[in-house]
């Protein structure tokens, strides 16, 4: 039943593999809590399960996602069999606080990008990765999915496959173009890789998301950045720095590939928060 639901939603909504895995985990976890039966679920069982999740220490965001998954699942079940009662009716989930994403300062970004040793093949690759992440605001999955056929360095553009299989063209800055060109001509060519992916491992295989995280953490430690650094942090920094320098919000939305402008608007709050912080730090009467 769960797999039928996932297959239907993959076909109708184009769920990414990551979303499919998360929903599968949510539904099987819920079924396990109910001892394997999700044929006829009562409202009180859903509420008991919610209490169980919070007692276990699950995050609010995780619970909200699971509730969204259950709402979709039981709505689908009711369409299949109209005689079934939807246990999700009138159940309100917790509200997540509007968390402002952390960002790196321009100085921290510069220091991070300077860390890879470009006299080595992996250093050339890492420098190109960091320049690309910051220049284009890509998600880590979009970075690892970049293909040689999607690159147009002459025009300074890259074709990105984003969430839901949606394609978009993203411009690259001059430094990113130079770093990618150096990686392709002096680094990647020496590895004799047979894959079409832009970024590959030492063995010539497509680079994994976990490998990008690991290399990024290593360079952040070398740069002396005293906060957790992860690929999405460069995406946050990309968007915030653009708005700091006067970019239009809708342009940033297009570059990030956000379907909803409201998702992008969080970065305007980050910019205002940064301005207040700078004012407090540097103004005589701050």
Protein backbone atom coordinates (compact mmCIF):
# COMPACT_ATOMS: atom_id res chain seq x y z
CA UNK A 1 0.00 0.00 0.00
CA UNK A 2 2.78 2.41 0.92
CA UNK A 3 4.75 1.62 -2.22
CA UNK A 4 1.63 2.10 -4.35
CA UNK A 5 1.13 5.54 -2.78
CA UNK A 6 4.76 6.50 -3.40
CA UNK A 7 4.67 5.30 -6.99
CA UNK A 8 1.50 7.31 -7.64
CA UNK A 9 2.96 10.48 -6.15
CA UNK A 10 6.26 10.03 -7.95
CA UNK A 11 4.35 9.85 -11.22
CA UNK A 12 2.02 12.79 -10.44
CA UNK A 13 4.30 15.14 -8.51
CA UNK A 14 7.79 14.16 -9.58
CA UNK A 15 9.13 13.58 -6.08
CA UNK A 16 12.92 13.50 -5.81
CA UNK A 17 14.62 10.30 -4.56
CA UNK A 18 15.40 12.08 -1.26
CA UNK A 19 11.73 12.99 -0.72
CA UNK A 20 10.65 9.46 -1.62
CA UNK A 21 13.08 8.01 0.92
CA UNK A 22 11.91 10.42 3.64
CA UNK A 23 8.22 9.66 3.01
CA UNK A 24 8.90 5.92 2.91
CA UNK A 25 10.69 6.15 6.27
CA UNK A 26 7.84 8.20 7.76
CA UNK A 27 5.12 5.81 6.61
CA UNK A 28 6.90 2.60 7.58
CA UNK A 29 7.79 4.15 10.95
CA UNK A 30 4.13 5.01 11.51
CA UNK A 31 3.05 1.50 10.47
CA UNK A 32 5.62 -0.03 12.81
CA UNK A 33 4.29 2.09 15.68
CA UNK A 34 0.82 0.69 14.93
CA UNK A 35 2.20 -2.89 14.83
CA UNK A 36 2.02 -3.03 11.06
CA UNK A 37 -1.61 -2.06 10.46
CA UNK A 38 -2.51 1.17 8.66
CA UNK A 39 -5.73 -0.11 7.07
CA UNK A 40 -8.04 1.59 9.58
CA UNK A 41 -6.34 4.25 11.66
CA UNK A 42 -8.15 6.33 14.24
CA UNK A 43 -7.53 9.97 15.06
CA UNK A 44 -6.43 9.14 18.61
CA UNK A 45 -3.77 6.78 17.25
CA UNK A 46 -2.29 9.60 15.19
CA UNK A 47 -2.23 11.84 18.27
CA UNK A 48 -0.57 9.07 20.31
CA UNK A 49 2.04 8.72 17.58
CA UNK A 50 2.67 12.48 17.66
CA UNK A 51 3.25 12.31 21.40
CA UNK A 52 5.62 9.39 20.89
CA UNK A 53 7.65 11.36 18.34
CA UNK A 54 8.06 14.33 20.67
CA UNK A 55 8.93 12.15 23.68
CA UNK A 56 11.57 10.52 21.52
CA UNK A 57 13.09 13.95 20.89
CA UNK A 58 12.32 14.30 17.17
CA UNK A 59 12.63 17.82 15.78
CA UNK A 60 9.56 19.93 15.04
CA UNK A 61 10.49 20.13 11.36
CA UNK A 62 10.72 16.35 11.14
CA UNK A 63 7.28 15.92 12.74
CA UNK A 64 5.74 18.56 10.45
CA UNK A 65 7.11 16.75 7.39
CA UNK A 66 5.75 13.42 8.66
CA UNK A 67 2.28 14.93 9.22
CA UNK A 68 2.30 16.31 5.69
CA UNK A 69 3.19 12.86 4.43
CA UNK A 70 0.36 11.23 6.43
CA UNK A 71 -2.17 13.81 5.19
CA UNK A 72 -1.25 13.02 1.59
CA UNK A 73 -1.29 9.27 2.22
CA UNK A 74 -4.72 9.13 3.86
CA UNK A 75 -6.21 11.55 1.33
CA UNK A 76 -4.96 9.16 -1.36
CA UNK A 77 -6.43 6.17 0.52
CA UNK A 78 -9.80 7.90 0.69
CA UNK A 79 -9.75 8.56 -3.06
CA UNK A 80 -9.06 4.86 -3.62
CA UNK A 81 -11.78 3.76 -1.15
CA UNK A 82 -14.33 6.47 -0.34
CA UNK A 83 -15.75 4.40 2.53
CA UNK A 84 -12.61 4.91 4.59
CA UNK A 85 -12.49 7.64 7.23
CA UNK A 86 -9.58 10.07 7.01
CA UNK A 87 -7.99 10.20 10.50
CA UNK A 88 -6.04 13.35 9.66
CA UNK A 89 -9.07 15.63 9.53
CA UNK A 90 -8.91 18.44 12.13
CA UNK A 91 -5.42 17.44 13.29
CA UNK A 92 -3.19 20.48 13.51
CA UNK A 93 0.51 19.94 13.73
CA UNK A 94 3.09 22.01 15.61
CA UNK A 95 4.22 25.28 14.15
CA UNK A 96 7.90 25.69 13.46
CA UNK A 97 9.56 28.93 14.42
CA UNK A 98 10.90 31.02 11.59
CA UNK A 99 14.56 30.08 11.87
CA UNK A 100 16.96 32.45 10.16
CA UNK A 101 19.65 30.53 8.31
CA UNK A 102 23.24 31.08 9.32
CA UNK A 103 25.61 32.62 6.76
CA UNK A 104 29.32 33.13 6.27
CA UNK A 105 30.76 36.60 5.99
CA UNK A 106 32.44 37.60 2.74
CA UNK A 107 35.82 37.38 4.52
CA UNK A 108 35.06 33.84 5.73
CA UNK A 109 33.99 32.77 2.24
CA UNK A 110 37.19 34.19 0.77
CA UNK A 111 39.30 32.39 3.35
CA UNK A 112 37.45 29.11 2.74
CA UNK A 113 37.87 29.27 -1.04
CA UNK A 114 41.61 29.99 -0.69
CA UNK A 115 42.28 26.79 1.29
CA UNK A 116 42.55 24.12 -1.46
CA UNK A 117 46.11 23.56 -2.72
CA UNK A 118 45.75 24.17 -6.46
CA UNK A 119 49.11 22.54 -7.16
CA UNK A 120 47.33 19.21 -6.69
CA UNK A 121 44.54 17.58 -8.71
CA UNK A 122 42.16 17.36 -5.76
CA UNK A 123 42.97 20.94 -4.79
CA UNK A 124 41.99 22.11 -8.27
CA UNK A 125 38.75 20.19 -7.98
CA UNK A 126 37.93 21.50 -4.51
CA UNK A 127 38.69 25.09 -5.51
CA UNK A 128 36.36 24.74 -8.51
CA UNK A 129 33.65 23.20 -6.31
CA UNK A 130 33.81 25.98 -3.73
CA UNK A 131 33.85 28.71 -6.36
CA UNK A 132 30.84 27.11 -8.08
CA UNK A 133 28.82 26.66 -4.89
CA UNK A 134 29.31 30.29 -3.86
CA UNK A 135 29.00 31.78 -7.36
CA UNK A 136 25.77 30.01 -8.24
CA UNK A 137 24.08 29.03 -4.95
CA UNK A 138 23.69 25.41 -6.03
CA UNK A 139 22.39 22.66 -3.76
CA UNK A 140 24.97 19.93 -3.13
CA UNK A 141 22.90 17.45 -5.16
CA UNK A 142 22.85 19.94 -8.05
CA UNK A 143 26.63 20.35 -7.81
CA UNK A 144 27.34 16.62 -7.89
CA UNK A 145 24.84 16.23 -10.73
CA UNK A 146 26.50 18.81 -13.01
CA UNK A 147 27.45 17.37 -16.39
CA UNK A 148 30.04 18.40 -18.95
CA UNK A 149 27.28 18.75 -21.53
CA UNK A 150 25.51 21.21 -19.22
CA UNK A 151 28.51 23.53 -19.00
CA UNK A 152 28.91 26.53 -21.29
CA UNK A 153 31.99 28.33 -20.00
CA UNK A 154 32.14 30.63 -23.05
CA UNK A 155 28.77 32.10 -22.09
CA UNK A 156 29.36 31.64 -18.36
CA UNK A 157 26.30 29.45 -17.83
CA UNK A 158 25.55 26.05 -16.37
CA UNK A 159 22.41 23.96 -16.80
CA UNK A 160 21.22 22.67 -13.44
CA UNK A 161 18.76 19.87 -12.69
CA UNK A 162 16.97 20.99 -9.53
CA UNK A 163 14.19 19.67 -7.30
CA UNK A 164 11.40 17.86 -9.05
CA UNK A 165 13.56 17.42 -12.14
CA UNK A 166 13.20 21.10 -13.06
CA UNK A 167 15.98 22.57 -15.17
CA UNK A 168 17.31 26.10 -14.89
CA UNK A 169 20.23 28.05 -16.30
CA UNK A 170 22.51 29.63 -13.70
CA UNK A 171 25.28 32.15 -14.45
CA UNK A 172 28.80 31.58 -13.19
CA UNK A 173 31.10 34.36 -12.09
CA UNK A 174 34.52 34.93 -13.66
CA UNK A 175 36.39 33.29 -10.79
CA UNK A 176 34.20 30.19 -10.93
CA UNK A 177 34.65 29.96 -14.71
CA UNK A 178 38.43 30.20 -14.33
CA UNK A 179 38.49 27.61 -11.53
CA UNK A 180 36.32 25.14 -13.49
CA UNK A 181 38.43 25.62 -16.60
CA UNK A 182 41.60 24.95 -14.59
CA UNK A 183 40.06 21.83 -13.06
CA UNK A 184 38.94 20.46 -16.43
CA UNK A 185 42.21 21.15 -18.25
CA UNK A 186 44.79 20.41 -15.53
CA UNK A 187 42.95 18.14 -13.09
CA UNK A 188 40.04 16.13 -14.44
CA UNK A 189 41.75 15.38 -17.75
CA UNK A 190 44.54 13.58 -15.87
CA UNK A 191 42.05 11.22 -14.21
CA UNK A 192 40.73 9.82 -17.52
CA UNK A 193 37.18 9.57 -16.20
CA UNK A 194 34.52 7.97 -18.38
CA UNK A 195 31.59 9.72 -16.67
CA UNK A 196 29.96 12.92 -17.92
CA UNK A 197 29.91 14.43 -14.42
CA UNK A 198 31.98 17.59 -13.94
CA UNK A 199 33.24 16.72 -10.46
CA UNK A 200 34.74 13.27 -9.96
CA UNK A 201 36.74 11.45 -7.31
CA UNK A 202 40.39 10.41 -7.47
CA UNK A 203 39.25 7.15 -9.07
CA UNK A 204 37.29 9.03 -11.78
CA UNK A 205 33.85 8.17 -10.42
CA UNK A 206 31.10 10.77 -9.88
CA UNK A 207 31.69 12.66 -6.64
CA UNK A 208 29.17 11.91 -3.89
CA UNK A 209 27.37 14.43 -1.67
CA UNK A 210 29.06 12.92 1.38
CA UNK A 211 32.49 13.53 -0.19
CA UNK A 212 31.63 17.19 -0.81
CA UNK A 213 30.55 17.58 2.84
CA UNK A 214 33.78 15.98 4.04
CA UNK A 215 36.07 18.12 1.89
CA UNK A 216 34.18 21.27 2.83
CA UNK A 217 34.56 20.53 6.55
CA UNK A 218 38.29 19.95 6.11
CA UNK A 219 38.82 23.26 4.33
CA UNK A 220 36.65 25.10 6.87
CA UNK A 221 38.79 23.76 9.73
CA UNK A 222 41.94 24.80 7.89
CA UNK A 223 40.46 28.28 7.42
CA UNK A 224 39.80 28.54 11.16
CA UNK A 225 36.05 29.09 10.74
CA UNK A 226 34.56 28.46 14.16
CA UNK A 227 31.09 27.29 13.11
CA UNK A 228 29.71 24.23 11.33
CA UNK A 229 30.24 24.64 7.59
CA UNK A 230 28.19 22.61 5.10
CA UNK A 231 27.31 23.01 1.40
CA UNK A 232 23.92 24.66 2.03
CA UNK A 233 25.66 27.32 4.13
CA UNK A 234 27.32 28.58 0.94
CA UNK A 235 23.89 28.66 -0.71
CA UNK A 236 22.56 30.75 2.19
CA UNK A 237 25.60 33.03 1.95
CA UNK A 238 25.19 33.39 -1.83
CA UNK A 239 21.58 34.57 -1.51
CA UNK A 240 22.20 36.86 1.48
CA UNK A 241 25.24 38.54 -0.07
CA UNK A 242 23.33 39.17 -3.30
CA UNK A 243 20.53 40.91 -1.38
CA UNK A 244 23.07 42.80 0.72
CA UNK A 245 24.41 44.30 -2.50
CA UNK A 246 21.01 45.28 -3.88
CA UNK A 247 19.90 42.29 -5.95
CA UNK A 248 16.19 42.02 -6.75
CA UNK A 249 14.38 39.37 -4.69
CA UNK A 250 12.76 37.76 -7.73
CA UNK A 251 16.14 37.47 -9.45
CA UNK A 252 17.48 35.65 -6.38
CA UNK A 253 14.40 33.41 -6.44
CA UNK A 254 15.15 32.44 -10.05
CA UNK A 255 18.81 31.80 -9.34
CA UNK A 256 18.01 29.57 -6.36
CA UNK A 257 15.27 27.71 -8.21
CA UNK A 258 12.61 28.42 -5.56
CA UNK A 259 9.06 27.73 -6.72
CA UNK A 260 7.64 30.06 -4.04
CA UNK A 261 8.86 33.61 -3.49
CA UNK A 262 8.05 33.23 0.20
CA UNK A 263 10.89 30.71 0.52
CA UNK A 264 13.33 33.30 -0.82
CA UNK A 265 12.01 36.09 1.42
CA UNK A 266 13.67 34.54 4.48
CA UNK A 267 16.96 35.93 3.16
CA UNK A 268 15.67 39.50 3.34
CA UNK A 269 15.21 38.93 7.08
CA UNK A 270 18.78 37.62 7.29
CA UNK A 271 20.03 40.77 5.57
CA UNK A 272 18.11 43.00 7.99
CA UNK A 273 19.40 41.00 10.94
CA UNK A 274 22.96 41.39 9.66
CA UNK A 275 22.51 45.13 9.23
CA UNK A 276 21.27 45.48 12.81
CA UNK A 277 24.19 43.44 14.08
CA UNK A 278 26.69 45.57 12.16
CA UNK A 279 25.03 48.72 13.45
CA UNK A 280 25.30 47.53 17.05
CA UNK A 281 28.94 46.58 16.57
CA UNK A 282 30.21 49.65 14.79
CA UNK A 283 27.93 52.62 15.54
CA UNK A 284 29.05 54.80 18.49
CA UNK A 285 25.56 54.62 19.93
CA UNK A 286 24.76 51.13 18.76
